[in-house]
Protein backbone atom coordinates (compact mmCIF):
# COMPACT_ATOMS: atom_id res chain seq x y z
CA MET A 1 31.61 66.71 -33.61
CA ALA A 2 29.44 67.70 -31.01
CA GLY A 3 26.54 67.69 -33.70
CA ARG A 4 27.17 64.10 -34.36
CA ARG A 5 27.58 62.95 -31.02
CA GLY A 6 24.18 64.47 -29.96
CA PRO A 7 21.51 62.22 -32.35
CA GLY A 8 23.73 59.08 -30.92
CA LEU A 9 22.94 59.31 -27.46
CA VAL A 10 19.32 60.39 -28.05
CA GLY A 11 18.99 57.30 -30.36
CA ARG A 12 20.62 54.63 -27.51
CA ALA A 13 18.32 56.35 -25.11
CA VAL A 14 15.14 55.64 -27.11
CA THR A 15 16.29 52.09 -27.98
CA ALA A 16 16.97 51.32 -23.93
CA LEU A 17 13.28 52.77 -23.36
CA LEU A 18 11.82 50.40 -26.15
CA VAL A 19 13.91 47.17 -25.45
CA ALA A 20 12.86 47.93 -21.24
CA ALA A 21 9.17 48.19 -22.57
CA SER A 22 9.16 45.54 -24.28
CA LEU A 23 10.44 43.48 -21.40
CA SER A 24 7.85 44.59 -18.94
CA VAL A 25 5.29 43.19 -21.48
CA VAL A 26 6.61 39.69 -21.72
CA CYS A 27 6.74 39.62 -17.73
CA VAL A 28 3.29 40.98 -17.21
CA GLY A 29 1.47 37.61 -15.80
CA GLU A 30 4.10 35.57 -15.41
CA VAL A 31 4.70 33.56 -12.12
CA PRO A 32 8.22 33.04 -11.28
CA ARG A 33 9.32 29.23 -11.05
CA PRO A 34 10.88 27.93 -7.47
CA PRO A 35 13.92 26.25 -8.73
CA ALA A 36 13.80 22.27 -8.64
CA CYS A 37 14.83 20.84 -5.36
CA ALA A 38 17.86 18.90 -4.42
CA LEU A 39 17.52 15.28 -2.75
CA ALA A 40 20.48 13.67 -1.68
CA ARG A 41 21.16 10.22 -2.99
CA GLY A 42 19.83 6.73 -1.47
CA GLU A 43 16.70 5.99 0.47
CA LEU A 44 14.55 9.18 1.35
CA THR A 45 12.47 9.57 4.66
CA VAL A 46 8.92 11.62 4.50
CA ASP A 47 11.00 14.29 5.88
CA ASP A 48 13.45 14.54 3.20
CA LEU A 49 10.28 14.72 0.64
CA PRO A 50 7.59 16.37 2.40
CA ALA A 51 3.96 16.75 1.80
CA GLY A 52 3.34 19.29 -0.56
CA SER A 53 6.88 19.05 -2.53
CA SER A 54 6.75 18.11 -6.33
CA VAL A 55 7.93 14.69 -7.53
CA LEU A 56 8.46 16.35 -10.87
CA ASP A 57 10.64 19.56 -9.48
CA CYS A 58 12.33 16.93 -6.96
CA LEU A 59 13.17 14.24 -10.36
CA ALA A 60 11.79 11.64 -7.24
CA VAL A 61 9.40 9.65 -9.49
CA GLY A 62 11.17 5.74 -8.39
CA ARG A 63 13.04 7.39 -5.46
CA VAL A 64 12.72 4.76 -2.33
CA VAL A 65 10.50 7.11 0.72
CA THR A 66 10.64 5.69 4.00
CA HIS A 67 8.88 5.81 7.19
CA GLU A 68 9.10 3.81 10.58
CA GLY A 69 10.39 0.55 8.58
CA THR A 70 8.67 0.72 5.77
CA GLY A 71 8.76 2.16 2.24
CA VAL A 72 7.55 2.96 -1.15
CA ALA A 73 9.03 3.80 -4.22
CA VAL A 74 7.26 6.90 -5.61
CA PRO A 75 5.00 6.45 -8.28
CA GLU A 76 4.45 8.73 -11.63
CA PRO A 77 1.82 11.30 -11.05
CA GLY A 78 -1.70 10.85 -10.70
CA THR A 79 -1.23 7.25 -8.75
CA THR A 80 -1.25 6.37 -5.05
CA VAL A 81 0.55 3.62 -3.47
CA SER A 82 0.12 1.78 0.14
CA VAL A 83 1.99 -0.73 1.74
CA ASP A 84 0.47 -2.78 4.73
CA ALA A 85 2.27 -5.11 6.54
CA LEU A 86 0.80 -8.06 8.60
CA THR A 87 3.79 -7.78 12.02
CA VAL A 88 4.02 -10.60 15.28
CA ASP A 89 2.84 -7.93 17.50
CA GLY A 90 -0.15 -6.25 15.67
CA SER A 91 1.58 -2.93 15.56
CA ALA A 92 1.26 -0.58 12.79
CA HIS A 93 3.72 -0.52 10.49
CA GLY A 94 2.02 0.84 6.77
CA PHE A 95 1.46 4.51 4.82
CA THR A 96 -0.14 5.50 2.01
CA LEU A 97 2.14 8.15 -0.73
CA THR A 98 -0.09 9.69 -3.35
CA VAL A 99 1.22 11.78 -5.73
CA ALA A 100 -1.63 14.26 -7.52
CA ALA A 101 -1.60 14.69 -11.10
CA ASP A 102 0.32 17.95 -10.88
CA GLY A 103 3.00 15.81 -8.88
CA THR A 104 2.54 17.19 -5.70
CA VAL A 105 3.21 14.49 -3.17
CA SER A 106 0.79 14.25 0.02
CA TYR A 107 0.71 11.20 2.63
CA ALA A 108 -1.60 9.14 4.64
CA TYR A 109 -0.16 7.24 7.75
CA GLU A 110 -1.77 4.22 9.79
CA ALA A 111 -2.92 5.20 13.00
CA ALA A 112 -0.56 3.76 15.66
CA HIS A 113 -1.35 1.97 18.58
CA GLU A 114 0.12 -0.73 21.21
CA PRO A 115 1.24 -3.81 19.82
CA THR A 116 -0.08 -7.07 21.67
CA ARG A 117 2.32 -8.30 24.34
CA ALA A 118 4.61 -10.30 23.04
CA ALA A 119 5.20 -12.22 25.85
CA ALA A 120 1.33 -12.81 26.88
CA PRO A 121 -0.59 -16.03 25.76
CA VAL A 122 -1.83 -15.72 22.35
CA SER A 123 -5.37 -16.92 23.82
CA ARG A 124 -5.76 -14.45 26.70
CA ALA A 125 -4.66 -11.69 24.05
CA ARG A 126 -7.73 -12.41 22.25
CA ALA A 127 -9.93 -13.50 24.87
CA ASP A 128 -9.68 -9.42 26.03
CA ALA A 129 -11.32 -8.52 22.45
CA PRO A 130 -15.01 -8.63 21.60
CA ALA A 131 -15.80 -11.61 19.84
CA PRO A 132 -15.97 -11.74 15.90
CA CYS A 133 -19.37 -11.81 15.58
CA THR A 134 -20.49 -8.81 17.89
CA ASP A 135 -17.26 -6.36 17.50
CA GLY A 136 -18.33 -4.31 13.98
CA ALA A 137 -15.07 -1.96 13.87
CA TYR A 138 -12.97 -1.99 10.35
CA SER A 139 -11.40 0.72 8.53
CA THR A 140 -11.04 1.22 4.50
CA ALA A 141 -8.07 2.18 2.10
CA GLY A 142 -10.13 4.63 -0.09
CA ARG A 143 -9.63 1.99 -2.71
CA LYS A 144 -11.39 -0.66 -4.30
CA GLU A 145 -11.63 -2.78 -7.01
CA TYR A 146 -14.02 -1.99 -9.76
CA GLY A 147 -13.55 -4.80 -12.08
CA THR A 148 -12.40 -8.20 -11.78
CA TYR A 149 -8.65 -8.48 -9.38
CA GLU A 150 -6.33 -10.99 -11.53
CA TRP A 151 -3.58 -12.45 -9.94
CA PHE A 152 -0.72 -14.51 -10.96
CA ILE A 153 1.59 -16.96 -8.47
CA GLY A 154 5.19 -16.42 -8.62
CA ASP A 155 7.27 -19.31 -10.15
CA GLY A 156 9.18 -19.27 -6.69
CA PRO A 157 8.97 -21.59 -3.47
CA LEU A 158 5.65 -20.80 -1.93
CA PRO A 159 4.95 -20.57 1.97
CA GLY A 160 4.71 -24.38 3.83
CA ARG A 161 6.76 -25.73 0.63
CA LEU A 162 3.24 -25.79 -1.15
CA SER A 163 3.26 -27.02 -4.26
CA HIS A 164 1.94 -24.46 -7.16
CA ALA A 165 -1.45 -26.33 -7.63
CA GLU A 166 -1.77 -26.67 -3.49
CA GLY A 167 -0.57 -22.63 -3.39
CA ARG A 168 -3.38 -21.98 -5.80
CA ARG A 169 -6.16 -23.97 -3.96
CA ALA A 170 -4.94 -21.71 -0.52
CA PHE A 171 -4.92 -18.60 -2.11
CA GLU A 172 -7.96 -18.81 -4.17
CA ASP A 173 -10.12 -20.18 -0.94
CA ALA A 174 -8.46 -17.23 1.00
CA ILE A 175 -9.38 -14.46 -1.90
CA ALA A 176 -12.69 -16.11 -2.23
CA THR A 177 -13.38 -15.58 1.64
CA ILE A 178 -13.00 -11.65 1.00
CA THR A 179 -14.72 -11.73 -2.50
CA THR A 180 -17.88 -13.68 -1.24
CA SER A 181 -17.90 -12.21 2.81
CA ARG A 182 -17.55 -15.43 3.74
CA ASN A 183 -18.32 -15.70 7.93
CA ASP A 184 -19.79 -17.54 10.74
CA CYS A 185 -22.03 -14.87 11.94
CA GLY A 186 -24.87 -15.66 9.64
CA PHE A 187 -24.51 -12.50 7.39
CA ASP A 188 -25.44 -13.19 4.10
CA ASP A 189 -22.83 -12.10 1.24
CA THR A 190 -24.09 -8.79 -0.36
CA VAL A 191 -20.42 -8.33 -1.47
CA LYS A 192 -19.78 -7.70 -5.53
CA ALA A 193 -16.23 -8.04 -5.66
CA LYS A 194 -14.43 -10.15 -8.31
CA ALA A 195 -11.45 -12.03 -8.82
CA ARG A 196 -9.76 -14.44 -11.47
CA PHE A 197 -6.53 -16.42 -11.20
CA LEU A 198 -4.42 -16.01 -14.25
CA SER A 199 -1.37 -18.84 -14.30
CA SER A 200 2.08 -18.46 -12.96
CA THR A 201 4.91 -16.07 -13.66
CA GLY A 202 8.34 -15.06 -13.84
CA ASN A 203 7.07 -12.28 -12.58
CA GLU A 204 7.98 -11.26 -8.86
CA SER A 205 5.82 -9.22 -6.54
CA GLY A 206 6.93 -5.50 -6.23
CA ILE A 207 8.08 -5.83 -2.64
CA ASP A 208 11.80 -5.96 -1.84
CA ARG A 209 13.84 -7.54 0.81
CA ALA A 210 12.68 -4.64 3.41
CA ALA A 211 9.34 -5.28 2.87
CA ARG A 212 9.05 -1.87 0.67
CA CYS A 213 7.18 -1.33 -2.28
CA THR A 214 8.91 -1.23 -5.34
CA ARG A 215 7.70 0.30 -9.09
CA ARG A 216 4.64 -1.72 -10.25
CA ASP A 217 5.04 -4.09 -13.35
CA GLY A 218 1.28 -4.27 -14.36
CA LEU A 219 1.09 -7.50 -12.67
CA SER A 220 -0.53 -8.52 -9.50
CA VAL A 221 1.96 -11.40 -7.93
CA TRP A 222 1.24 -13.40 -4.87
CA ASP A 223 4.49 -15.26 -3.86
CA ALA A 224 7.09 -15.66 -1.12
CA GLY A 225 10.77 -14.37 -0.02
CA ASP A 226 12.81 -12.85 2.47
CA ILE A 227 10.88 -8.95 3.40
CA GLY A 228 13.07 -8.06 6.25
CA GLY A 229 12.66 -9.61 10.18
CA GLU A 230 9.06 -7.40 11.08
CA ALA A 231 6.76 -8.70 8.89
CA VAL A 232 5.23 -12.08 8.18
CA ALA A 233 3.53 -11.02 5.29
CA THR A 234 2.77 -7.82 3.15
CA THR A 235 0.81 -6.15 0.63
CA CYS A 236 1.90 -3.23 -1.70
CA SER A 237 -1.08 -1.83 -3.85
CA TRP A 238 -1.10 1.18 -6.31
CA SER A 239 -4.77 2.86 -7.27
CA ARG A 240 -5.57 6.18 -9.21
CA PRO A 241 -8.04 8.30 -8.72
CA VAL A 242 -11.92 8.01 -9.34
CA PRO A 243 -14.15 10.93 -9.06
CA ASP A 244 -16.89 10.88 -6.19
CA GLY A 245 -16.12 7.52 -5.26
CA PRO A 246 -12.98 5.42 -3.71
CA GLU A 247 -9.62 5.42 -6.27
CA GLU A 248 -9.59 2.30 -8.63
CA LEU A 249 -7.04 -0.33 -7.75
CA LEU A 250 -4.37 -0.93 -10.23
CA GLU A 251 -2.05 -3.65 -8.70
CA ALA A 252 -2.23 -5.01 -5.59
CA ASP A 253 1.20 -7.78 -4.77
CA VAL A 254 1.52 -10.06 -1.67
CA ARG A 255 4.39 -11.52 -0.43
CA PHE A 256 4.88 -13.81 2.51
CA ASN A 257 7.95 -14.06 4.91
CA THR A 258 9.19 -17.29 4.44
CA HIS A 259 12.47 -16.35 5.32
CA ASP A 260 12.01 -15.49 8.51
CA PHE A 261 8.61 -17.38 9.50
CA PRO A 262 7.70 -21.15 9.08
CA PHE A 263 4.35 -21.19 7.47
CA THR A 264 1.44 -24.49 7.59
CA ASN A 265 -1.67 -25.21 5.49
CA ARG A 266 -2.90 -27.56 8.60
CA PRO A 267 -1.95 -26.18 11.92
CA SER A 268 -2.28 -29.24 14.57
CA GLY A 269 -2.09 -29.58 17.82
CA ALA A 270 2.09 -29.93 17.94
CA CYS A 271 2.06 -26.44 16.49
CA THR A 272 4.31 -23.89 18.28
CA HIS A 273 4.80 -20.56 16.01
CA ALA A 274 3.97 -21.68 12.57
CA TYR A 275 1.45 -19.31 10.78
CA ASP A 276 -1.49 -20.61 8.88
CA ILE A 277 -1.54 -20.20 5.17
CA ARG A 278 -4.93 -19.27 4.94
CA SER A 279 -5.43 -17.13 7.81
CA VAL A 280 -2.66 -14.61 6.65
CA ALA A 281 -3.88 -15.07 3.09
CA THR A 282 -7.51 -14.04 3.73
CA HIS A 283 -6.03 -10.93 5.97
CA GLU A 284 -3.98 -10.03 3.05
CA ALA A 285 -6.51 -10.26 0.53
CA GLY A 286 -8.77 -8.00 2.71
CA HIS A 287 -6.08 -5.23 1.93
CA VAL A 288 -6.04 -6.29 -1.87
CA PHE A 289 -9.74 -5.39 -1.75
CA GLY A 290 -9.68 -2.27 0.04
CA LEU A 291 -9.86 -3.11 3.87
CA GLY A 292 -7.36 -1.24 6.20
CA HIS A 293 -6.05 -3.14 10.14
CA SER A 294 -9.03 -3.27 12.75
CA GLY A 295 -6.68 -1.98 15.32
CA ALA A 296 -6.09 -2.75 18.69
CA GLY A 297 -9.12 -4.15 20.79
CA HIS A 298 -10.28 -6.08 18.11
CA GLU A 299 -7.94 -8.57 17.79
CA ASN A 300 -10.87 -11.29 17.12
CA LEU A 301 -11.52 -9.73 13.11
CA THR A 302 -9.54 -10.95 10.14
CA MET A 303 -8.31 -7.50 9.44
CA TYR A 304 -6.21 -7.16 12.88
CA ALA A 305 -2.91 -6.83 12.14
CA ASN A 306 -1.70 -10.07 13.65
CA SER A 307 -3.15 -13.50 12.40
CA PHE A 308 -1.63 -15.20 15.65
CA ALA A 309 0.64 -18.03 14.93
CA CYS A 310 -0.89 -21.94 14.60
CA SER A 311 -4.66 -19.91 14.62
CA THR A 312 -7.22 -20.46 11.71
CA ASP A 313 -9.75 -17.87 13.17
CA ALA A 314 -8.88 -15.27 10.32
CA ARG A 315 -10.07 -17.78 7.76
CA THR A 316 -13.74 -16.61 7.86
CA LEU A 317 -14.50 -12.85 8.28
CA GLY A 318 -15.95 -11.18 11.51
CA LYS A 319 -18.29 -8.49 11.68
CA GLY A 320 -16.60 -5.51 11.03
CA ASP A 321 -14.65 -7.12 8.26
CA VAL A 322 -17.97 -7.85 6.14
CA LEU A 323 -19.29 -4.73 7.51
CA GLY A 324 -16.05 -2.79 5.70
CA LEU A 325 -16.48 -4.80 2.83
CA ARG A 326 -20.08 -3.76 2.33
CA SER A 327 -19.24 -0.36 2.72
CA LEU A 328 -16.73 -0.50 -0.65
CA TYR A 329 -18.73 -2.91 -2.76
């Protein structure tokens, strides 16, 4: 019995050594994969999905991430989404979320600045800033339209109760101000940007009732509706990386807030608080083509974050607006 039991023990020992050796060979060079993160239900904040997180591990694509009153739906890897809001006091409302090709998240936040005093007369707030033709301030968003921006008008009501034909003319005029760098300062047009209106569409802009960017649908739509009480208008832009250059614009949607603010296409002396459609549209078109907000102290530029009620000044560009476009195009 002892003679039979001995060889069995030795065999088991040899087998165990062989198994251990084979496992060590398999595991050499492997990097342990961290467990997938667990996200709470509902909206997320930038703290819930911090920079460096993986949208793949966290199953976060399509989830809404918010920051200081604005938000974006997390895009697929290799995509950037930005939200820019035009506000009544010129305060900063916007941020950018980038998902790298490997799914890693990063953020860029609009620089905070003091809002224009709501109680101050509009003329006084603007008189404190440099004249538009002498103010060279600008910022860019790190993206541009490399080809032709092709856009649609949504089939719902438009700002100022414009017909669709009138809305098309107003929006085309505003977009052309950007693509031709139209100004009253004597600056030549050296901007090589292009745009083309395609048609009306049943699709809506990818902007919800809280001025958050939803998932893109491949159509760049201009429309109007409810986007919360803070923003007069909002632009959502999606782009993708380009080697050694600004990102390439994929889609840019614009929505006017007709739920909370009145608009007019012809401000008159009787105007008290309506926003000029072309001024607002020119500002939003600036975002479409890659311009950021000019910031506090530059209220006379088109890309300041408030177009000012009853004012038509933002229909034409200032020096900084033109220089910003030239830097991109």
